[in-house]
Amino acid sequence: MAQAGKGRLNYRCPSCFMRDIDIDMFYDKEKDEYYCLRCQYRGDEKNVLEKNELARFRYGMIGRRITIEDYGD
């Protein structure tokens, strides 16, 4: 098996991140894909970015304090 290394950018594994586990993915130059050692997720850069957008949607309001007035009628 080829020696793996970190990719150009440190992408988080979307599958693990949706379960609140912050794991960086590794990059395989021969296959031109990213993979996770923990959950066996594999995907090219486009696929990883699409899945990470779903995680950003999940945490989109994390920096905002929600109060009862936000839900007032």
C-alpha atoms as a PDB file:
ATOM      1  CA  MET A   1       0.000   0.000   0.000  1.00  0.00           C
ATOM      2  CA  ALA A   2       1.217   3.481  -0.802  1.00  0.00           C
ATOM      3  CA  GLN A   3       2.443   5.710   1.984  1.00  0.00           C
ATOM      4  CA  ALA A   4      -0.281   8.197   2.755  1.00  0.00           C
ATOM      5  CA  GLY A   5       0.140  11.741   3.900  1.00  0.00           C
ATOM      6  CA  LYS A   6      -1.856  14.815   4.656  1.00  0.00           C
ATOM      7  CA  GLY A   7      -3.347  16.480   1.616  1.00  0.00           C
ATOM      8  CA  ARG A   8      -2.778  19.997   0.410  1.00  0.00           C
ATOM      9  CA  LEU A   9      -5.401  21.199   2.865  1.00  0.00           C
ATOM     10  CA  ASN A  10      -6.535  19.514   6.055  1.00  0.00           C
ATOM     11  CA  TYR A  11     -10.060  18.399   5.254  1.00  0.00           C
ATOM     12  CA  ARG A  12     -12.207  16.994   8.031  1.00  0.00           C
ATOM     13  CA  CYS A  13     -13.893  13.658   7.505  1.00  0.00           C
ATOM     14  CA  PRO A  14     -17.558  14.549   6.850  1.00  0.00           C
ATOM     15  CA  SER A  15     -18.845  11.218   8.159  1.00  0.00           C
ATOM     16  CA  CYS A  16     -16.995  11.531  11.474  1.00  0.00           C
ATOM     17  CA  PHE A  17     -17.684  15.260  11.785  1.00  0.00           C
ATOM     18  CA  MET A  18     -21.448  14.680  11.533  1.00  0.00           C
ATOM     19  CA  ARG A  19     -21.016  12.499  14.628  1.00  0.00           C
ATOM     20  CA  ASP A  20     -19.096  15.286  16.427  1.00  0.00           C
ATOM     21  CA  ILE A  21     -15.699  13.644  15.919  1.00  0.00           C
ATOM     22  CA  ASP A  22     -13.037  15.940  14.491  1.00  0.00           C
ATOM     23  CA  ILE A  23     -10.726  13.786  12.342  1.00  0.00           C
ATOM     24  CA  ASP A  24      -8.451  15.004   9.553  1.00  0.00           C
ATOM     25  CA  MET A  25      -8.469  13.046   6.321  1.00  0.00           C
ATOM     26  CA  PHE A  26      -5.435  11.667   4.524  1.00  0.00           C
ATOM     27  CA  TYR A  27      -4.704  11.984   0.823  1.00  0.00           C
ATOM     28  CA  ASP A  28      -3.689   9.157  -1.520  1.00  0.00           C
ATOM     29  CA  LYS A  29      -1.826  10.595  -4.522  1.00  0.00           C
ATOM     30  CA  GLU A  30      -2.044   7.409  -6.577  1.00  0.00           C
ATOM     31  CA  LYS A  31      -5.843   7.234  -6.361  1.00  0.00           C
ATOM     32  CA  ASP A  32      -6.329  11.015  -6.131  1.00  0.00           C
ATOM     33  CA  GLU A  33      -8.740  10.653  -3.211  1.00  0.00           C
ATOM     34  CA  TYR A  34      -9.063  11.494   0.448  1.00  0.00           C
ATOM     35  CA  TYR A  35      -9.801   8.878   3.089  1.00  0.00           C
ATOM     36  CA  CYS A  36     -10.425   8.569   6.810  1.00  0.00           C
ATOM     37  CA  LEU A  37      -8.528   6.083   8.958  1.00  0.00           C
ATOM     38  CA  ARG A  38     -11.299   5.915  11.543  1.00  0.00           C
ATOM     39  CA  CYS A  39     -14.456   5.234   9.523  1.00  0.00           C
ATOM     40  CA  GLN A  40     -13.134   4.170   6.090  1.00  0.00           C
ATOM     41  CA  TYR A  41     -14.837   7.092   4.296  1.00  0.00           C
ATOM     42  CA  ARG A  42     -13.320   7.736   0.850  1.00  0.00           C
ATOM     43  CA  GLY A  43     -13.966  10.444  -1.700  1.00  0.00           C
ATOM     44  CA  ASP A  44     -12.435  12.875  -4.118  1.00  0.00           C
ATOM     45  CA  GLU A  45     -11.982  16.539  -3.218  1.00  0.00           C
ATOM     46  CA  LYS A  46     -15.321  17.592  -4.727  1.00  0.00           C
ATOM     47  CA  ASN A  47     -17.221  14.928  -2.787  1.00  0.00           C
ATOM     48  CA  VAL A  48     -15.520  15.833   0.499  1.00  0.00           C
ATOM     49  CA  LEU A  49     -16.295  19.536   0.039  1.00  0.00           C
ATOM     50  CA  GLU A  50     -19.962  18.794  -0.738  1.00  0.00           C
ATOM     51  CA  LYS A  51     -20.340  16.684   2.388  1.00  0.00           C
ATOM     52  CA  ASN A  52     -18.560  19.284   4.536  1.00  0.00           C
ATOM     53  CA  GLU A  53     -21.111  21.876   3.384  1.00  0.00           C
ATOM     54  CA  LEU A  54     -23.780  19.731   5.076  1.00  0.00           C
ATOM     55  CA  ALA A  55     -21.797  19.919   8.305  1.00  0.00           C
ATOM     56  CA  ARG A  56     -21.566  23.706   7.989  1.00  0.00           C
ATOM     57  CA  PHE A  57     -25.348  23.816   7.606  1.00  0.00           C
ATOM     58  CA  ARG A  58     -25.726  21.835  10.809  1.00  0.00           C
ATOM     59  CA  TYR A  59     -23.552  24.247  12.784  1.00  0.00           C
ATOM     60  CA  GLY A  60     -24.619  27.426  10.987  1.00  0.00           C
ATOM     61  CA  MET A  61     -26.113  29.063  14.091  1.00  0.00           C
ATOM     62  CA  ILE A  62     -23.391  28.019  16.536  1.00  0.00           C
ATOM     63  CA  GLY A  63     -22.132  31.579  17.058  1.00  0.00           C
ATOM     64  CA  ARG A  64     -25.564  33.085  17.691  1.00  0.00           C
ATOM     65  CA  ARG A  65     -27.409  33.131  21.016  1.00  0.00           C
ATOM     66  CA  ILE A  66     -31.005  32.045  20.579  1.00  0.00           C
ATOM     67  CA  THR A  67     -33.532  33.632  22.954  1.00  0.00           C
ATOM     68  CA  ILE A  68     -37.280  33.328  23.485  1.00  0.00           C
ATOM     69  CA  GLU A  69     -37.759  36.619  21.600  1.00  0.00           C
ATOM     70  CA  ASP A  70     -36.447  34.932  18.462  1.00  0.00           C
ATOM     71  CA  TYR A  71     -39.505  32.662  18.488  1.00  0.00           C
ATOM     72  CA  GLY A  72     -42.105  35.239  19.549  1.00  0.00           C
ATOM     73  CA  ASP A  73     -45.368  35.527  17.659  1.00  0.00           C
END
